[in-house]
Amino acid sequence: SDSFVVLACGLVDFRKGVDLFLASAALVQDRDPAGRVKFLWMGHGYNPASTGFSGYLRHQIETTGLGDRVHFGGVVRDLRPVYR
């Protein structure tokens, strides 16, 4: 793919800056209308059906139109394939 991927890893928790990661993605989106830059968060804890912090993140994604640029990959044992 011709995409550039910005990767972050860690537990999806308010202390980890996931909301700031999404805010950064929104700023990049404004400067990259072609959608070449994608954002991937690898780690446990994102549940978009939640009414807690994940629900807040889901709302942030929806209101900024990041649905096709931001992905949550969950937990993996080996990040090497992700780095490729």
C-alpha atoms as a PDB file:
ATOM      1  CA  SER A   1       0.000   0.000   0.000  1.00  0.00           C
ATOM      2  CA  ASP A   2       1.025   3.621  -0.454  1.00  0.00           C
ATOM      3  CA  SER A   3      -0.017   4.486   3.082  1.00  0.00           C
ATOM      4  CA  PHE A   4       2.250   5.764   5.823  1.00  0.00           C
ATOM      5  CA  VAL A   5       1.284   4.244   9.178  1.00  0.00           C
ATOM      6  CA  VAL A   6       1.704   6.024  12.502  1.00  0.00           C
ATOM      7  CA  LEU A   7       1.877   3.342  15.189  1.00  0.00           C
ATOM      8  CA  ALA A   8       1.234   3.607  18.908  1.00  0.00           C
ATOM      9  CA  CYS A   9       1.146   0.768  21.423  1.00  0.00           C
ATOM     10  CA  GLY A  10      -0.253   0.347  24.898  1.00  0.00           C
ATOM     11  CA  LEU A  11      -3.324  -0.223  26.995  1.00  0.00           C
ATOM     12  CA  VAL A  12      -6.253   1.903  25.835  1.00  0.00           C
ATOM     13  CA  ASP A  13      -6.611   4.007  28.959  1.00  0.00           C
ATOM     14  CA  PHE A  14      -7.103   7.706  29.631  1.00  0.00           C
ATOM     15  CA  ARG A  15      -3.562   7.928  31.049  1.00  0.00           C
ATOM     16  CA  LYS A  16      -1.966   6.736  27.791  1.00  0.00           C
ATOM     17  CA  GLY A  17      -2.871   9.694  25.576  1.00  0.00           C
ATOM     18  CA  VAL A  18      -5.114   7.863  23.126  1.00  0.00           C
ATOM     19  CA  ASP A  19      -7.275  10.976  22.878  1.00  0.00           C
ATOM     20  CA  LEU A  20      -4.180  13.016  21.964  1.00  0.00           C
ATOM     21  CA  PHE A  21      -3.221  10.372  19.396  1.00  0.00           C
ATOM     22  CA  LEU A  22      -6.661  10.844  17.824  1.00  0.00           C
ATOM     23  CA  ALA A  23      -6.375  14.635  17.996  1.00  0.00           C
ATOM     24  CA  SER A  24      -3.050  14.368  16.150  1.00  0.00           C
ATOM     25  CA  ALA A  25      -4.678  12.133  13.559  1.00  0.00           C
ATOM     26  CA  ALA A  26      -7.369  14.780  13.020  1.00  0.00           C
ATOM     27  CA  LEU A  27      -4.723  17.452  12.434  1.00  0.00           C
ATOM     28  CA  VAL A  28      -2.905  15.241   9.945  1.00  0.00           C
ATOM     29  CA  GLN A  29      -6.196  14.482   8.203  1.00  0.00           C
ATOM     30  CA  ASP A  30      -6.683  18.200   7.565  1.00  0.00           C
ATOM     31  CA  ARG A  31      -3.271  18.338   5.867  1.00  0.00           C
ATOM     32  CA  ASP A  32      -3.550  15.021   4.018  1.00  0.00           C
ATOM     33  CA  PRO A  33      -6.929  14.963   2.255  1.00  0.00           C
ATOM     34  CA  ALA A  34      -5.772  12.071   0.041  1.00  0.00           C
ATOM     35  CA  GLY A  35      -5.719   9.821   3.117  1.00  0.00           C
ATOM     36  CA  ARG A  36      -2.180   8.486   2.731  1.00  0.00           C
ATOM     37  CA  VAL A  37      -1.477   8.628   6.472  1.00  0.00           C
ATOM     38  CA  LYS A  38      -3.169   5.992   8.664  1.00  0.00           C
ATOM     39  CA  PHE A  39      -3.084   5.609  12.447  1.00  0.00           C
ATOM     40  CA  LEU A  40      -2.867   2.283  14.252  1.00  0.00           C
ATOM     41  CA  TRP A  41      -3.084   1.723  18.002  1.00  0.00           C
ATOM     42  CA  MET A  42      -2.037  -1.737  19.152  1.00  0.00           C
ATOM     43  CA  GLY A  43      -3.096  -2.751  22.637  1.00  0.00           C
ATOM     44  CA  HIS A  44      -5.858  -4.078  24.839  1.00  0.00           C
ATOM     45  CA  GLY A  45      -8.877  -2.121  25.951  1.00  0.00           C
ATOM     46  CA  TYR A  46     -10.706  -0.513  23.040  1.00  0.00           C
ATOM     47  CA  ASN A  47     -14.380  -1.417  23.099  1.00  0.00           C
ATOM     48  CA  PRO A  48     -16.402   0.960  20.918  1.00  0.00           C
ATOM     49  CA  ALA A  49     -19.678  -0.299  22.416  1.00  0.00           C
ATOM     50  CA  SER A  50     -18.569   0.927  25.845  1.00  0.00           C
ATOM     51  CA  THR A  51     -20.050   3.991  27.474  1.00  0.00           C
ATOM     52  CA  GLY A  52     -16.758   4.614  29.269  1.00  0.00           C
ATOM     53  CA  PHE A  53     -13.474   5.915  27.881  1.00  0.00           C
ATOM     54  CA  SER A  54     -13.719   3.812  24.697  1.00  0.00           C
ATOM     55  CA  GLY A  55     -17.113   5.362  24.021  1.00  0.00           C
ATOM     56  CA  TYR A  56     -15.544   8.793  24.341  1.00  0.00           C
ATOM     57  CA  LEU A  57     -12.843   7.750  21.857  1.00  0.00           C
ATOM     58  CA  ARG A  58     -15.465   6.354  19.475  1.00  0.00           C
ATOM     59  CA  HIS A  59     -17.287   9.690  19.627  1.00  0.00           C
ATOM     60  CA  GLN A  60     -14.032  11.535  18.946  1.00  0.00           C
ATOM     61  CA  ILE A  61     -13.393   9.323  15.900  1.00  0.00           C
ATOM     62  CA  GLU A  62     -16.925   9.839  14.587  1.00  0.00           C
ATOM     63  CA  THR A  63     -17.027  13.619  15.040  1.00  0.00           C
ATOM     64  CA  THR A  64     -13.643  14.131  13.374  1.00  0.00           C
ATOM     65  CA  GLY A  65     -14.369  11.759  10.495  1.00  0.00           C
ATOM     66  CA  LEU A  66     -11.407   9.511  11.264  1.00  0.00           C
ATOM     67  CA  GLY A  67     -13.251   6.222  10.781  1.00  0.00           C
ATOM     68  CA  ASP A  68     -11.207   5.158   7.755  1.00  0.00           C
ATOM     69  CA  ARG A  69      -7.869   6.401   9.098  1.00  0.00           C
ATOM     70  CA  VAL A  70      -7.730   5.110  12.666  1.00  0.00           C
ATOM     71  CA  HIS A  71      -7.679   1.446  13.598  1.00  0.00           C
ATOM     72  CA  PHE A  72      -7.310  -0.370  16.905  1.00  0.00           C
ATOM     73  CA  GLY A  73      -5.444  -3.633  16.437  1.00  0.00           C
ATOM     74  CA  GLY A  74      -5.697  -5.224  19.845  1.00  0.00           C
ATOM     75  CA  VAL A  75      -2.984  -7.276  21.508  1.00  0.00           C
ATOM     76  CA  VAL A  76      -0.360  -9.194  19.566  1.00  0.00           C
ATOM     77  CA  ARG A  77       2.583 -11.220  20.832  1.00  0.00           C
ATOM     78  CA  ASP A  78       4.920 -10.131  18.069  1.00  0.00           C
ATOM     79  CA  LEU A  79       4.924  -6.633  16.580  1.00  0.00           C
ATOM     80  CA  ARG A  80       7.315  -7.461  13.745  1.00  0.00           C
ATOM     81  CA  PRO A  81       4.519  -8.020  11.205  1.00  0.00           C
ATOM     82  CA  VAL A  82       2.978  -4.711  12.253  1.00  0.00           C
ATOM     83  CA  TYR A  83       6.287  -2.921  11.715  1.00  0.00           C
ATOM     84  CA  ARG A  84       6.491  -4.348   8.191  1.00  0.00           C
END
